[in-house]
């Protein structure tokens, strides 16, 4: 038997994605990403659009660190 619940893909300011049951109010800090479907469809969508699961702040820090390291070696 398939899961009759439909989900929305939601995203926060750190660009982290999650599945949220349709019709349930979103928690503070999360907004709809615009994709809705079954759990399976939503998981497949998240896998496509969120290949790097690190939070945005960490990705930025690492990029800044690499950039600073590159500049120091010149």
N, C-alpha and C. Protein backbone atom coordinates (compact mmCIF):
# COMPACT_ATOMS: atom_id res chain seq x y z
N UNK A 1 0.85 -1.19 0.00
CA UNK A 1 0.00 0.00 0.00
C UNK A 1 0.88 1.24 0.00
N UNK A 2 0.58 2.19 -0.86
CA UNK A 2 1.38 3.41 -0.94
C UNK A 2 0.94 4.42 0.11
N UNK A 3 1.85 5.32 0.40
CA UNK A 3 1.60 6.37 1.38
C UNK A 3 0.72 7.44 0.74
N UNK A 4 -0.50 7.70 1.25
CA UNK A 4 -1.40 8.68 0.64
C UNK A 4 -1.02 10.13 0.96
N UNK A 5 -0.09 10.33 1.85
CA UNK A 5 0.29 11.70 2.25
C UNK A 5 1.09 12.34 1.13
N UNK A 6 0.77 13.60 0.85
CA UNK A 6 1.55 14.37 -0.13
C UNK A 6 2.43 15.33 0.64
N UNK A 7 3.56 15.64 0.04
CA UNK A 7 4.56 16.46 0.70
C UNK A 7 4.94 17.66 -0.16
N UNK A 8 5.47 18.65 0.51
CA UNK A 8 6.09 19.80 -0.15
C UNK A 8 7.57 19.77 0.21
N UNK A 9 8.42 20.14 -0.73
CA UNK A 9 9.84 20.29 -0.43
C UNK A 9 10.01 21.70 0.12
N UNK A 10 10.64 21.79 1.28
CA UNK A 10 10.85 23.08 1.93
C UNK A 10 12.34 23.31 2.07
N UNK A 11 12.71 24.59 2.20
CA UNK A 11 14.12 24.97 2.29
C UNK A 11 14.25 26.07 3.33
N UNK A 12 15.41 26.12 3.99
CA UNK A 12 15.65 27.18 4.98
C UNK A 12 16.77 28.11 4.49
N UNK A 13 17.13 29.08 5.30
CA UNK A 13 18.15 30.07 4.91
C UNK A 13 19.52 29.45 4.69
N UNK A 14 19.76 28.27 5.23
CA UNK A 14 21.03 27.57 5.04
C UNK A 14 20.98 26.67 3.80
N UNK A 15 19.90 26.80 3.02
CA UNK A 15 19.67 26.01 1.81
C UNK A 15 19.58 24.51 2.10
N UNK A 16 19.15 24.18 3.32
CA UNK A 16 18.88 22.79 3.67
C UNK A 16 17.46 22.47 3.23
N UNK A 17 17.27 21.29 2.69
CA UNK A 17 15.96 20.88 2.18
C UNK A 17 15.35 19.83 3.09
N UNK A 18 14.04 19.78 3.10
CA UNK A 18 13.30 18.79 3.88
C UNK A 18 11.96 18.55 3.21
N UNK A 19 11.32 17.46 3.59
CA UNK A 19 9.96 17.16 3.15
C UNK A 19 9.02 17.54 4.28
N UNK A 20 7.91 18.16 3.89
CA UNK A 20 6.94 18.60 4.89
C UNK A 20 5.55 18.20 4.42
N UNK A 21 4.76 17.59 5.29
CA UNK A 21 3.41 17.18 4.87
C UNK A 21 2.57 18.39 4.43
N UNK A 22 1.90 18.24 3.30
CA UNK A 22 1.04 19.32 2.82
C UNK A 22 -0.06 19.58 3.83
N UNK A 23 -0.40 20.84 4.00
CA UNK A 23 -1.48 21.23 4.89
C UNK A 23 -1.05 21.46 6.33
N UNK A 24 0.20 21.14 6.65
CA UNK A 24 0.72 21.37 8.00
C UNK A 24 1.50 22.67 7.96
N UNK A 25 1.23 23.62 8.87
CA UNK A 25 1.95 24.89 8.85
C UNK A 25 3.47 24.68 8.94
N UNK A 26 4.19 25.46 8.16
CA UNK A 26 5.65 25.36 8.16
C UNK A 26 6.23 25.95 9.44
N UNK A 27 7.29 25.35 9.95
CA UNK A 27 7.95 25.95 11.11
C UNK A 27 8.66 27.23 10.69
N UNK A 28 8.90 28.10 11.64
CA UNK A 28 9.58 29.35 11.38
C UNK A 28 10.94 29.08 10.75
N UNK A 29 11.28 29.87 9.74
CA UNK A 29 12.57 29.74 9.09
C UNK A 29 12.57 28.84 7.86
N UNK A 30 11.46 28.23 7.56
CA UNK A 30 11.36 27.35 6.41
C UNK A 30 10.34 27.92 5.43
N UNK A 31 10.57 27.72 4.12
CA UNK A 31 9.62 28.16 3.10
C UNK A 31 9.50 27.09 2.02
N UNK A 32 8.39 27.10 1.34
CA UNK A 32 8.18 26.13 0.27
C UNK A 32 9.17 26.37 -0.85
N UNK A 33 9.74 25.30 -1.36
CA UNK A 33 10.69 25.38 -2.46
C UNK A 33 9.94 25.36 -3.78
N UNK A 34 8.68 24.93 -3.74
CA UNK A 34 7.85 24.95 -4.94
C UNK A 34 7.55 23.58 -5.52
N UNK A 35 8.18 22.54 -4.99
CA UNK A 35 7.93 21.19 -5.50
C UNK A 35 7.04 20.44 -4.52
N UNK A 36 6.03 19.76 -5.05
CA UNK A 36 5.12 18.96 -4.23
C UNK A 36 4.91 17.61 -4.89
N UNK A 37 4.67 16.59 -4.08
CA UNK A 37 4.41 15.27 -4.64
C UNK A 37 4.39 14.21 -3.57
N UNK A 38 4.54 12.98 -4.01
CA UNK A 38 4.61 11.87 -3.07
C UNK A 38 5.96 11.92 -2.36
N UNK A 39 6.09 11.13 -1.31
CA UNK A 39 7.38 11.09 -0.60
C UNK A 39 8.49 10.69 -1.57
N UNK A 40 8.25 9.68 -2.37
CA UNK A 40 9.26 9.20 -3.32
C UNK A 40 9.64 10.29 -4.33
N UNK A 41 8.64 10.99 -4.87
CA UNK A 41 8.91 12.06 -5.84
C UNK A 41 9.71 13.18 -5.20
N UNK A 42 9.34 13.54 -3.97
CA UNK A 42 10.03 14.64 -3.28
C UNK A 42 11.47 14.26 -2.93
N UNK A 43 11.68 13.03 -2.49
CA UNK A 43 13.05 12.59 -2.18
C UNK A 43 13.90 12.62 -3.45
N UNK A 44 13.36 12.16 -4.57
CA UNK A 44 14.09 12.19 -5.84
C UNK A 44 14.42 13.63 -6.23
N UNK A 45 13.48 14.53 -6.04
CA UNK A 45 13.71 15.94 -6.36
C UNK A 45 14.82 16.52 -5.49
N UNK A 46 14.76 16.27 -4.19
CA UNK A 46 15.79 16.77 -3.27
C UNK A 46 17.15 16.21 -3.66
N UNK A 47 17.22 14.95 -4.02
CA UNK A 47 18.49 14.35 -4.45
C UNK A 47 19.06 15.07 -5.67
N UNK A 48 18.18 15.53 -6.57
CA UNK A 48 18.64 16.24 -7.78
C UNK A 48 19.10 17.66 -7.48
N UNK A 49 18.36 18.37 -6.63
CA UNK A 49 18.63 19.81 -6.45
C UNK A 49 19.56 20.13 -5.28
N UNK A 50 19.88 19.14 -4.45
CA UNK A 50 20.68 19.41 -3.25
C UNK A 50 21.82 18.42 -3.16
N UNK A 51 22.76 18.46 -4.13
CA UNK A 51 23.85 17.48 -4.14
C UNK A 51 24.87 17.69 -3.02
N UNK A 52 25.05 18.91 -2.58
CA UNK A 52 26.00 19.22 -1.50
C UNK A 52 25.19 19.54 -0.25
N UNK A 53 25.10 18.59 0.67
CA UNK A 53 24.19 18.75 1.80
C UNK A 53 24.77 19.59 2.94
N UNK A 54 25.97 20.13 2.75
CA UNK A 54 26.51 20.99 3.81
C UNK A 54 25.72 22.29 3.88
N UNK A 55 25.52 22.84 5.08
CA UNK A 55 24.81 24.12 5.21
C UNK A 55 25.54 25.22 4.43
N UNK A 56 24.80 26.19 3.95
CA UNK A 56 25.35 27.29 3.16
C UNK A 56 26.48 28.00 3.90
N UNK A 57 26.32 28.26 5.20
CA UNK A 57 27.36 28.97 5.94
C UNK A 57 28.67 28.19 5.95
N UNK A 58 28.62 26.89 6.04
CA UNK A 58 29.84 26.07 6.01
C UNK A 58 30.46 26.10 4.63
N UNK A 59 29.66 25.99 3.59
CA UNK A 59 30.20 26.04 2.22
C UNK A 59 30.90 27.37 1.98
N UNK A 60 30.30 28.47 2.46
CA UNK A 60 30.91 29.79 2.29
C UNK A 60 32.22 29.90 3.06
N UNK A 61 32.22 29.41 4.30
CA UNK A 61 33.45 29.46 5.11
C UNK A 61 34.57 28.68 4.44
N UNK A 62 34.27 27.50 3.95
CA UNK A 62 35.28 26.69 3.29
C UNK A 62 35.77 27.36 2.00
N UNK A 63 34.86 27.97 1.25
CA UNK A 63 35.26 28.67 0.03
C UNK A 63 36.14 29.87 0.37
N UNK A 64 35.80 30.61 1.42
CA UNK A 64 36.62 31.75 1.84
C UNK A 64 37.99 31.29 2.29
N UNK A 65 38.04 30.18 3.01
CA UNK A 65 39.31 29.63 3.49
C UNK A 65 40.19 29.21 2.31
N UNK A 66 39.61 28.55 1.33
CA UNK A 66 40.38 28.14 0.14
C UNK A 66 40.86 29.36 -0.62
N UNK A 67 39.99 30.36 -0.75
CA UNK A 67 40.36 31.57 -1.46
C UNK A 67 41.50 32.29 -0.75
N UNK A 68 41.43 32.40 0.56
CA UNK A 68 42.49 33.06 1.33
C UNK A 68 43.79 32.28 1.22
N UNK A 69 43.72 30.97 1.24
CA UNK A 69 44.91 30.14 1.12
C UNK A 69 45.55 30.29 -0.24
N UNK A 70 44.76 30.44 -1.28
CA UNK A 70 45.27 30.62 -2.63
C UNK A 70 45.98 31.96 -2.75
N UNK A 71 45.43 32.99 -2.13
CA UNK A 71 46.03 34.32 -2.21
C UNK A 71 47.36 34.37 -1.46
N UNK A 72 47.48 33.63 -0.36
CA UNK A 72 48.70 33.65 0.43
C UNK A 72 49.86 32.99 -0.29
N UNK A 73 49.62 32.09 -1.21
CA UNK A 73 50.70 31.36 -1.87
C UNK A 73 51.25 32.08 -3.08
N UNK A 74 50.70 33.19 -3.42
CA UNK A 74 51.18 33.95 -4.60
C UNK A 74 52.43 34.71 -4.27
